[in-house]
Amino acid sequence: MIDEELEFKIEQLDLMVKRWRRFFNLYRKISKPGEASPKEEHEFAELATYFTRTYTPLATNVGLRIQGHPDVLALVTDVPDAEAVRQMSDMQRRAFENDWRANNTAMNQKLGELQLLSDHLQNVSAFAYYAKRFFSNRVVQWTVGLSIVVILLGVFGVFKMLFQFLNDLVNK
């Protein structure tokens, strides 16, 4: 079965990972004097804008969490353009690069999880997948559970009434 929502998430996260790598490659070029062209500096700023716009909604949508490091939005805010990159100290550069790696690892890990889930779903029927999703809902679980209890009480109540009726018939 193909889950279109999952495939869309994979596609969007894969695109973000590729752009995240491109952002870092441009960062490295810009940090070395004279290597980056004005076009690359403009692309760097455009990518920073892209992450500012899309990171939070996409991360929320795919369930991406970064533990112990600033998220992508914080990193891009620190270096929104080539001038900010050039003004970074060595310590800021090391911190930025470490945080970039942590975010890169987290994005790739989440992408891998989603791709494994997609591969797993290839062997699952649509009925089984949606039945599992339906019955994993807490409201559905409580409703089904209460319905079973009511039905069982009703069935045992009928048996009790039948037993009492037959007992009264025998005693007469």
C-alpha atoms as a PDB file:
ATOM      1  CA  MET A   1       0.000   0.000   0.000  1.00  0.00           C
ATOM      2  CA  ILE A   2       1.206   3.509  -0.717  1.00  0.00           C
ATOM      3  CA  ASP A   3       0.423   6.150   1.887  1.00  0.00           C
ATOM      4  CA  GLU A   4       0.337   9.381  -0.092  1.00  0.00           C
ATOM      5  CA  GLU A   5       0.664  11.540   3.014  1.00  0.00           C
ATOM      6  CA  LEU A   6       3.769   9.635   4.105  1.00  0.00           C
ATOM      7  CA  GLU A   7       5.284   9.823   0.622  1.00  0.00           C
ATOM      8  CA  PHE A   8       4.664  13.596   0.596  1.00  0.00           C
ATOM      9  CA  LYS A   9       6.421  13.945   3.973  1.00  0.00           C
ATOM     10  CA  ILE A  10       9.381  11.922   2.704  1.00  0.00           C
ATOM     11  CA  GLU A  11       9.611  14.035  -0.436  1.00  0.00           C
ATOM     12  CA  GLN A  12       9.483  17.318   1.489  1.00  0.00           C
ATOM     13  CA  LEU A  13      11.994  16.215   4.133  1.00  0.00           C
ATOM     14  CA  ASP A  14      14.353  14.851   1.456  1.00  0.00           C
ATOM     15  CA  LEU A  15      14.213  18.210  -0.318  1.00  0.00           C
ATOM     16  CA  MET A  16      14.943  20.007   2.947  1.00  0.00           C
ATOM     17  CA  VAL A  17      17.928  17.725   3.679  1.00  0.00           C
ATOM     18  CA  LYS A  18      19.385  18.441   0.230  1.00  0.00           C
ATOM     19  CA  ARG A  19      18.896  22.167   0.691  1.00  0.00           C
ATOM     20  CA  TRP A  20      20.417  21.950   4.181  1.00  0.00           C
ATOM     21  CA  ARG A  21      23.558  20.388   2.669  1.00  0.00           C
ATOM     22  CA  ARG A  22      23.653  23.051  -0.035  1.00  0.00           C
ATOM     23  CA  PHE A  23      23.290  25.737   2.646  1.00  0.00           C
ATOM     24  CA  PHE A  24      26.335  24.344   4.484  1.00  0.00           C
ATOM     25  CA  ASN A  25      28.401  24.079   1.300  1.00  0.00           C
ATOM     26  CA  LEU A  26      27.629  27.719   0.533  1.00  0.00           C
ATOM     27  CA  TYR A  27      28.428  28.647   4.137  1.00  0.00           C
ATOM     28  CA  ARG A  28      31.878  27.069   3.762  1.00  0.00           C
ATOM     29  CA  LYS A  29      32.541  28.880   0.473  1.00  0.00           C
ATOM     30  CA  ILE A  30      31.443  32.197   1.916  1.00  0.00           C
ATOM     31  CA  SER A  31      33.561  31.756   5.039  1.00  0.00           C
ATOM     32  CA  LYS A  32      36.684  31.555   2.848  1.00  0.00           C
ATOM     33  CA  PRO A  33      37.479  35.031   1.486  1.00  0.00           C
ATOM     34  CA  GLY A  34      37.117  35.414  -2.272  1.00  0.00           C
ATOM     35  CA  GLU A  35      35.680  31.949  -3.010  1.00  0.00           C
ATOM     36  CA  ALA A  36      31.951  32.703  -3.178  1.00  0.00           C
ATOM     37  CA  SER A  37      30.389  34.561  -6.078  1.00  0.00           C
ATOM     38  CA  PRO A  38      27.637  37.152  -5.564  1.00  0.00           C
ATOM     39  CA  LYS A  39      25.205  34.620  -7.058  1.00  0.00           C
ATOM     40  CA  GLU A  40      26.189  32.037  -4.408  1.00  0.00           C
ATOM     41  CA  GLU A  41      25.885  34.638  -1.661  1.00  0.00           C
ATOM     42  CA  HIS A  42      22.392  35.442  -2.919  1.00  0.00           C
ATOM     43  CA  GLU A  43      21.533  31.720  -3.010  1.00  0.00           C
ATOM     44  CA  PHE A  44      22.746  31.410   0.591  1.00  0.00           C
ATOM     45  CA  ALA A  45      20.397  34.212   1.682  1.00  0.00           C
ATOM     46  CA  GLU A  46      17.542  32.630  -0.297  1.00  0.00           C
ATOM     47  CA  LEU A  47      18.106  29.291   1.420  1.00  0.00           C
ATOM     48  CA  ALA A  48      18.122  31.024   4.808  1.00  0.00           C
ATOM     49  CA  THR A  49      14.745  32.547   3.913  1.00  0.00           C
ATOM     50  CA  TYR A  50      13.477  29.152   2.743  1.00  0.00           C
ATOM     51  CA  PHE A  51      14.373  27.547   6.085  1.00  0.00           C
ATOM     52  CA  THR A  52      12.814  30.423   8.009  1.00  0.00           C
ATOM     53  CA  ARG A  53       9.538  29.898   6.134  1.00  0.00           C
ATOM     54  CA  THR A  54       9.340  26.124   5.939  1.00  0.00           C
ATOM     55  CA  TYR A  55      11.337  24.491   8.721  1.00  0.00           C
ATOM     56  CA  THR A  56       8.900  24.797  11.634  1.00  0.00           C
ATOM     57  CA  PRO A  57       5.778  23.605   9.755  1.00  0.00           C
ATOM     58  CA  LEU A  58       7.657  20.732   8.137  1.00  0.00           C
ATOM     59  CA  ALA A  59       9.402  19.678  11.351  1.00  0.00           C
ATOM     60  CA  THR A  60       6.045  19.676  13.145  1.00  0.00           C
ATOM     61  CA  ASN A  61       4.399  17.733  10.330  1.00  0.00           C
ATOM     62  CA  VAL A  62       7.011  14.960  10.245  1.00  0.00           C
ATOM     63  CA  GLY A  63       7.661  14.909  14.011  1.00  0.00           C
ATOM     64  CA  LEU A  64      11.275  16.082  13.826  1.00  0.00           C
ATOM     65  CA  ARG A  65      12.847  16.876  17.197  1.00  0.00           C
ATOM     66  CA  ILE A  66      16.411  18.048  17.773  1.00  0.00           C
ATOM     67  CA  GLN A  67      17.741  17.155  21.226  1.00  0.00           C
ATOM     68  CA  GLY A  68      20.310  19.373  22.925  1.00  0.00           C
ATOM     69  CA  HIS A  69      21.094  21.648  19.968  1.00  0.00           C
ATOM     70  CA  PRO A  70      19.442  24.727  18.473  1.00  0.00           C
ATOM     71  CA  ASP A  71      17.033  23.920  15.690  1.00  0.00           C
ATOM     72  CA  VAL A  72      17.513  24.968  12.087  1.00  0.00           C
ATOM     73  CA  LEU A  73      15.552  28.167  12.581  1.00  0.00           C
ATOM     74  CA  ALA A  74      17.943  29.357  15.310  1.00  0.00           C
ATOM     75  CA  LEU A  75      20.964  28.568  13.158  1.00  0.00           C
ATOM     76  CA  VAL A  76      19.634  30.383  10.100  1.00  0.00           C
ATOM     77  CA  THR A  77      18.709  33.392  12.189  1.00  0.00           C
ATOM     78  CA  ASP A  78      22.342  33.632  13.338  1.00  0.00           C
ATOM     79  CA  VAL A  79      23.688  33.684   9.748  1.00  0.00           C
ATOM     80  CA  PRO A  80      20.991  35.116   7.461  1.00  0.00           C
ATOM     81  CA  ASP A  81      23.459  36.360   4.859  1.00  0.00           C
ATOM     82  CA  ALA A  82      27.088  36.276   3.704  1.00  0.00           C
ATOM     83  CA  GLU A  83      28.059  39.317   5.768  1.00  0.00           C
ATOM     84  CA  ALA A  84      26.982  37.580   8.991  1.00  0.00           C
ATOM     85  CA  VAL A  85      29.062  34.528   8.047  1.00  0.00           C
ATOM     86  CA  ARG A  86      32.153  36.647   7.501  1.00  0.00           C
ATOM     87  CA  GLN A  87      31.759  38.339  10.895  1.00  0.00           C
ATOM     88  CA  MET A  88      31.649  35.076  12.865  1.00  0.00           C
ATOM     89  CA  SER A  89      34.473  34.321  15.266  1.00  0.00           C
ATOM     90  CA  ASP A  90      36.264  30.967  15.204  1.00  0.00           C
ATOM     91  CA  MET A  91      34.358  29.829  18.275  1.00  0.00           C
ATOM     92  CA  GLN A  92      31.028  30.807  16.663  1.00  0.00           C
ATOM     93  CA  ARG A  93      32.027  28.909  13.511  1.00  0.00           C
ATOM     94  CA  ARG A  94      32.798  25.735  15.459  1.00  0.00           C
ATOM     95  CA  ALA A  95      29.513  26.000  17.363  1.00  0.00           C
ATOM     96  CA  PHE A  96      27.578  26.649  14.133  1.00  0.00           C
ATOM     97  CA  GLU A  97      29.214  23.687  12.379  1.00  0.00           C
ATOM     98  CA  ASN A  98      28.552  21.354  15.330  1.00  0.00           C
ATOM     99  CA  ASP A  99      24.922  22.459  15.486  1.00  0.00           C
ATOM    100  CA  TRP A 100      24.622  22.080  11.706  1.00  0.00           C
ATOM    101  CA  ARG A 101      25.900  18.482  11.976  1.00  0.00           C
ATOM    102  CA  ALA A 102      23.480  17.680  14.815  1.00  0.00           C
ATOM    103  CA  ASN A 103      20.555  19.022  12.785  1.00  0.00           C
ATOM    104  CA  ASN A 104      21.768  17.235   9.661  1.00  0.00           C
ATOM    105  CA  THR A 105      21.957  13.963  11.594  1.00  0.00           C
ATOM    106  CA  ALA A 106      18.489  14.437  13.084  1.00  0.00           C
ATOM    107  CA  MET A 107      16.932  15.253   9.695  1.00  0.00           C
ATOM    108  CA  ASN A 108      18.584  12.249   8.043  1.00  0.00           C
ATOM    109  CA  GLN A 109      17.562   9.994  10.914  1.00  0.00           C
ATOM    110  CA  LYS A 110      13.925  11.100  10.612  1.00  0.00           C
ATOM    111  CA  LEU A 111      14.074  10.701   6.834  1.00  0.00           C
ATOM    112  CA  GLY A 112      15.391   7.165   7.300  1.00  0.00           C
ATOM    113  CA  GLU A 113      12.581   6.330   9.754  1.00  0.00           C
ATOM    114  CA  LEU A 114       9.963   7.586   7.307  1.00  0.00           C
ATOM    115  CA  GLN A 115      11.536   5.662   4.422  1.00  0.00           C
ATOM    116  CA  LEU A 116      11.597   2.450   6.498  1.00  0.00           C
ATOM    117  CA  LEU A 117       7.941   2.963   7.373  1.00  0.00           C
ATOM    118  CA  SER A 118       7.155   3.491   3.702  1.00  0.00           C
ATOM    119  CA  ASP A 119       9.021   0.290   2.791  1.00  0.00           C
ATOM    120  CA  HIS A 120       7.135  -1.597   5.500  1.00  0.00           C
ATOM    121  CA  LEU A 121       3.798  -0.311   4.203  1.00  0.00           C
ATOM    122  CA  GLN A 122       4.548  -1.723   0.757  1.00  0.00           C
ATOM    123  CA  ASN A 123       3.804  -5.185   2.217  1.00  0.00           C
ATOM    124  CA  VAL A 124       0.668  -4.172   4.138  1.00  0.00           C
ATOM    125  CA  SER A 125      -2.841  -4.129   2.720  1.00  0.00           C
ATOM    126  CA  ALA A 126      -4.756  -0.868   2.798  1.00  0.00           C
ATOM    127  CA  PHE A 127      -7.517  -2.466   4.883  1.00  0.00           C
ATOM    128  CA  ALA A 128      -5.083  -3.659   7.570  1.00  0.00           C
ATOM    129  CA  TYR A 129      -3.312  -0.292   7.665  1.00  0.00           C
ATOM    130  CA  TYR A 130      -6.475   1.781   8.046  1.00  0.00           C
ATOM    131  CA  ALA A 131      -8.051  -0.698  10.461  1.00  0.00           C
ATOM    132  CA  LYS A 132      -4.976  -0.435  12.679  1.00  0.00           C
ATOM    133  CA  ARG A 133      -5.071   3.380  12.503  1.00  0.00           C
ATOM    134  CA  PHE A 134      -8.823   3.378  13.261  1.00  0.00           C
ATOM    135  CA  PHE A 135      -8.577   1.056  16.251  1.00  0.00           C
ATOM    136  CA  SER A 136      -5.482   2.786  17.649  1.00  0.00           C
ATOM    137  CA  ASN A 137      -7.597   5.898  18.302  1.00  0.00           C
ATOM    138  CA  ARG A 138      -8.369   6.206  22.046  1.00  0.00           C
ATOM    139  CA  VAL A 139     -11.959   7.321  21.466  1.00  0.00           C
ATOM    140  CA  VAL A 140     -12.615   4.276  19.292  1.00  0.00           C
ATOM    141  CA  GLN A 141     -10.962   1.990  21.849  1.00  0.00           C
ATOM    142  CA  TRP A 142     -13.129   3.339  24.678  1.00  0.00           C
ATOM    143  CA  THR A 143     -16.294   3.177  22.561  1.00  0.00           C
ATOM    144  CA  VAL A 144     -15.659  -0.421  21.502  1.00  0.00           C
ATOM    145  CA  GLY A 145     -14.730  -1.415  25.048  1.00  0.00           C
ATOM    146  CA  LEU A 146     -17.849   0.115  26.565  1.00  0.00           C
ATOM    147  CA  SER A 147     -19.994  -1.433  23.834  1.00  0.00           C
ATOM    148  CA  ILE A 148     -18.602  -4.880  24.622  1.00  0.00           C
ATOM    149  CA  VAL A 149     -19.280  -4.391  28.334  1.00  0.00           C
ATOM    150  CA  VAL A 150     -22.862  -3.277  27.655  1.00  0.00           C
ATOM    151  CA  ILE A 151     -23.434  -6.205  25.305  1.00  0.00           C
ATOM    152  CA  LEU A 152     -22.023  -8.690  27.810  1.00  0.00           C
ATOM    153  CA  LEU A 153     -24.137  -7.237  30.604  1.00  0.00           C
ATOM    154  CA  GLY A 154     -27.169  -7.476  28.337  1.00  0.00           C
ATOM    155  CA  VAL A 155     -26.432 -11.073  27.362  1.00  0.00           C
ATOM    156  CA  PHE A 156     -25.875 -12.127  30.959  1.00  0.00           C
ATOM    157  CA  GLY A 157     -28.984 -10.166  31.979  1.00  0.00           C
ATOM    158  CA  VAL A 158     -31.064 -12.121  29.433  1.00  0.00           C
ATOM    159  CA  PHE A 159     -29.626 -15.397  30.729  1.00  0.00           C
ATOM    160  CA  LYS A 160     -30.416 -14.343  34.281  1.00  0.00           C
ATOM    161  CA  MET A 161     -34.004 -13.474  33.324  1.00  0.00           C
ATOM    162  CA  LEU A 162     -34.367 -16.775  31.428  1.00  0.00           C
ATOM    163  CA  PHE A 163     -32.961 -18.706  34.404  1.00  0.00           C
ATOM    164  CA  GLN A 164     -35.334 -16.948  36.774  1.00  0.00           C
ATOM    165  CA  PHE A 165     -38.296 -17.608  34.428  1.00  0.00           C
ATOM    166  CA  LEU A 166     -37.435 -21.296  34.120  1.00  0.00           C
ATOM    167  CA  ASN A 167     -36.852 -21.516  37.887  1.00  0.00           C
ATOM    168  CA  ASP A 168     -40.284 -19.949  38.545  1.00  0.00           C
ATOM    169  CA  LEU A 169     -41.855 -22.371  36.030  1.00  0.00           C
ATOM    170  CA  VAL A 170     -40.298 -25.383  37.716  1.00  0.00           C
ATOM    171  CA  ASN A 171     -41.277 -24.228  41.209  1.00  0.00           C
ATOM    172  CA  LYS A 172     -44.961 -23.878  40.237  1.00  0.00           C
END
